[in-house]
Amino acid sequence: GLVGQSTLREVELGTGRVMRKMDVPPPIFAEGLALVGDRLIQLTWQNGKALLYDARTFAKQGELTYRGEGWGLCRDGETLVMSDGSANLTVRRPNDFGIVRTVAVTLDGRPLDKLNELECVDGGVYANVWTTDLIVKIDLASGRVMNRIDAANLLLPVERQDPAMVLNGL
């Protein structure tokens, strides 16, 4: 993330060692990323572009456009699920980024906004709720939060935290 500091990276899971890295040039603040076949799709926070890369080489293949902000992205079978910081998830076609449908997310019957990074797992969508210690599992069909995970213990003790230190990914 951050303008001028965004990258696309391949990381060794066991060690965190960066095996391959490509810088994303300013003025782009890169965000969510999803693998679709042999192509990576990377959101931009406020540029309205989804950047396309060859998954094997990281060579840029083009761009798709969208309206609004791009926060998180995951692949759910044949479609993509995108967050924009609101209480809505947008289901999109991966080939042209066209909207299939919008899903309103609710927790205890009320809209749940600040949906951030996403992971699609077994028909559900996990999302961290930005600026909170909450991770939720969302039923994509109904938008209802099915489970909550309290991730407060993942952060440093309050007295050692920087004010900008929030859960920002999964």
Protein backbone atom coordinates (compact mmCIF):
# COMPACT_ATOMS: atom_id res chain seq x y z
CA GLY A 1 0.00 0.00 0.00
CA LEU A 2 0.64 3.72 0.00
CA VAL A 3 1.33 5.92 -3.02
CA GLY A 4 4.88 5.35 -4.23
CA GLN A 5 5.30 2.35 -1.92
CA SER A 6 2.82 -0.14 -3.40
CA THR A 7 4.21 -3.41 -4.70
CA LEU A 8 3.16 -6.74 -6.14
CA ARG A 9 5.13 -9.49 -4.38
CA GLU A 10 5.58 -13.23 -4.34
CA VAL A 11 6.47 -14.26 -0.79
CA GLU A 12 7.72 -17.55 0.61
CA LEU A 13 4.98 -18.54 3.05
CA GLY A 14 7.18 -20.29 5.58
CA THR A 15 9.66 -17.46 6.04
CA GLY A 16 8.08 -14.30 4.63
CA ARG A 17 11.08 -13.88 2.34
CA VAL A 18 10.25 -11.81 -0.75
CA MET A 19 11.04 -13.98 -3.75
CA ARG A 20 9.90 -11.55 -6.43
CA LYS A 21 8.73 -7.95 -6.32
CA MET A 22 7.39 -5.40 -8.75
CA ASP A 23 6.88 -1.75 -7.79
CA VAL A 24 3.54 -0.14 -8.64
CA PRO A 25 4.28 3.42 -9.83
CA PRO A 26 2.73 6.57 -8.36
CA PRO A 27 0.08 7.88 -8.21
CA ILE A 28 -1.34 4.42 -7.56
CA PHE A 29 -2.11 3.11 -4.06
CA ALA A 30 -2.48 -0.63 -4.70
CA GLU A 31 -4.97 -2.65 -2.67
CA GLY A 32 -6.74 -6.05 -2.99
CA LEU A 33 -5.39 -8.82 -5.20
CA ALA A 34 -6.94 -11.98 -6.67
CA LEU A 35 -5.72 -14.80 -8.88
CA VAL A 36 -7.97 -15.73 -11.81
CA GLY A 37 -6.49 -18.50 -13.95
CA ASP A 38 -3.06 -17.31 -15.06
CA ARG A 39 -3.83 -13.65 -14.36
CA LEU A 40 -3.58 -11.49 -11.24
CA ILE A 41 -6.07 -8.66 -10.74
CA GLN A 42 -5.00 -5.88 -8.37
CA LEU A 43 -7.30 -3.09 -7.19
CA THR A 44 -6.30 0.53 -6.78
CA TRP A 45 -7.68 2.41 -3.81
CA GLN A 46 -8.89 5.61 -5.48
CA ASN A 47 -7.78 5.38 -9.12
CA GLY A 48 -10.76 3.37 -10.41
CA LYS A 49 -8.49 0.84 -12.11
CA ALA A 50 -7.99 -2.87 -11.72
CA LEU A 51 -4.46 -3.70 -12.87
CA LEU A 52 -3.95 -6.95 -14.77
CA TYR A 53 -0.73 -8.99 -14.59
CA ASP A 54 0.56 -12.30 -15.86
CA ALA A 55 0.71 -14.43 -12.69
CA ARG A 56 3.89 -16.21 -13.76
CA THR A 57 5.97 -13.22 -14.87
CA PHE A 58 4.21 -10.20 -13.25
CA ALA A 59 4.19 -8.57 -16.72
CA LYS A 60 1.43 -5.95 -16.88
CA GLN A 61 -1.36 -7.04 -19.25
CA GLY A 62 -3.73 -4.09 -19.06
CA GLU A 63 -6.39 -2.47 -16.92
CA LEU A 64 -10.10 -2.68 -16.21
CA THR A 65 -12.08 0.24 -14.81
CA TYR A 66 -14.65 0.61 -12.04
CA ARG A 67 -16.34 3.38 -10.07
CA GLY A 68 -15.62 4.09 -6.45
CA GLU A 69 -12.85 2.88 -4.21
CA GLY A 70 -11.14 -0.50 -4.30
CA TRP A 71 -10.33 -2.08 -0.92
CA GLY A 72 -10.44 -5.88 -1.03
CA LEU A 73 -10.83 -8.56 -3.69
CA CYS A 74 -11.23 -12.32 -3.70
CA ARG A 75 -12.31 -15.01 -6.13
CA ASP A 76 -15.43 -17.02 -5.34
CA GLY A 77 -15.58 -19.72 -7.97
CA GLU A 78 -16.33 -18.05 -11.30
CA THR A 79 -16.80 -14.51 -9.96
CA LEU A 80 -14.86 -11.92 -7.99
CA VAL A 81 -16.04 -10.28 -4.78
CA MET A 82 -14.93 -6.69 -4.16
CA SER A 83 -15.15 -4.37 -1.15
CA ASP A 84 -15.05 -0.59 -1.26
CA GLY A 85 -15.14 0.30 2.44
CA SER A 86 -18.92 0.41 2.56
CA ALA A 87 -21.43 -2.16 3.85
CA ASN A 88 -21.78 -3.58 0.33
CA LEU A 89 -19.86 -6.27 -1.50
CA THR A 90 -19.87 -6.16 -5.29
CA VAL A 91 -19.81 -9.43 -7.22
CA ARG A 92 -18.02 -8.93 -10.55
CA ARG A 93 -17.17 -10.82 -13.71
CA PRO A 94 -13.40 -11.37 -13.91
CA ASN A 95 -13.16 -10.90 -17.68
CA ASP A 96 -14.56 -7.35 -17.89
CA PHE A 97 -15.12 -6.39 -14.21
CA GLY A 98 -18.82 -5.91 -14.92
CA ILE A 99 -21.17 -6.00 -11.96
CA VAL A 100 -23.15 -9.21 -11.46
CA ARG A 101 -24.86 -8.08 -8.25
CA THR A 102 -24.39 -6.14 -5.05
CA VAL A 103 -24.75 -7.74 -1.63
CA ALA A 104 -25.68 -5.63 1.42
CA VAL A 105 -23.81 -6.95 4.49
CA THR A 106 -25.52 -6.94 7.88
CA LEU A 107 -24.47 -7.80 11.41
CA ASP A 108 -27.37 -8.39 13.82
CA GLY A 109 -29.70 -6.82 11.25
CA ARG A 110 -27.71 -3.59 10.84
CA PRO A 111 -25.41 -2.61 7.94
CA LEU A 112 -21.73 -3.40 8.60
CA ASP A 113 -19.44 -0.94 6.86
CA LYS A 114 -15.63 -0.61 6.58
CA LEU A 115 -15.40 -4.06 4.99
CA ASN A 116 -11.77 -4.23 3.96
CA GLU A 117 -9.54 -7.12 2.86
CA LEU A 118 -11.44 -10.20 1.66
CA GLU A 119 -10.84 -13.94 1.43
CA CYS A 120 -13.34 -16.23 -0.28
CA VAL A 121 -13.56 -19.64 1.38
CA ASP A 122 -16.18 -22.37 0.79
CA GLY A 123 -19.02 -20.08 -0.28
CA GLY A 124 -18.37 -17.55 2.46
CA VAL A 125 -16.39 -14.33 2.46
CA TYR A 126 -14.08 -13.42 5.31
CA ALA A 127 -13.52 -9.69 5.80
CA ASN A 128 -11.62 -7.65 8.30
CA VAL A 129 -13.54 -4.60 9.49
CA TRP A 130 -11.12 -1.69 9.15
CA THR A 131 -10.15 0.18 12.35
CA THR A 132 -11.59 -2.61 14.52
CA ASP A 133 -10.34 -5.95 15.91
CA LEU A 134 -13.15 -7.77 14.12
CA ILE A 135 -12.99 -10.33 11.32
CA VAL A 136 -16.34 -11.57 10.02
CA LYS A 137 -17.50 -14.46 7.86
CA ILE A 138 -20.25 -13.33 5.48
CA ASP A 139 -22.81 -15.51 3.71
CA LEU A 140 -22.51 -14.21 0.14
CA ALA A 141 -26.04 -15.26 -0.77
CA SER A 142 -27.76 -13.29 2.00
CA GLY A 143 -25.10 -10.80 3.14
CA ARG A 144 -25.64 -11.88 6.74
CA VAL A 145 -22.59 -12.16 9.02
CA MET A 146 -22.46 -15.82 10.04
CA ASN A 147 -19.43 -15.76 12.36
CA ARG A 148 -17.24 -13.24 14.17
CA ILE A 149 -13.58 -13.54 15.10
CA ASP A 150 -12.17 -11.26 17.79
CA ALA A 151 -8.58 -10.59 16.66
CA ALA A 152 -7.67 -8.16 19.46
CA ASN A 153 -4.93 -10.47 20.74
CA LEU A 154 -3.04 -10.14 17.44
CA LEU A 155 -2.08 -6.52 18.12
CA LEU A 156 0.62 -5.22 20.43
CA PRO A 157 -0.47 -4.06 23.88
CA VAL A 158 -2.23 -0.67 23.68
CA GLU A 159 0.68 1.17 25.30
CA ARG A 160 3.03 -0.02 22.51
CA GLN A 161 0.74 0.66 19.56
CA ASP A 162 1.08 3.40 17.01
CA PRO A 163 -2.31 5.12 16.38
CA ALA A 164 -2.13 3.95 12.75
CA MET A 165 -1.71 0.33 13.85
CA VAL A 166 -4.93 -1.41 12.88
CA LEU A 167 -5.76 -4.79 11.43
CA ASN A 168 -5.54 -4.27 7.69
CA GLY A 169 -5.66 -7.62 5.99
CA LEU A 170 -6.24 -11.32 6.33
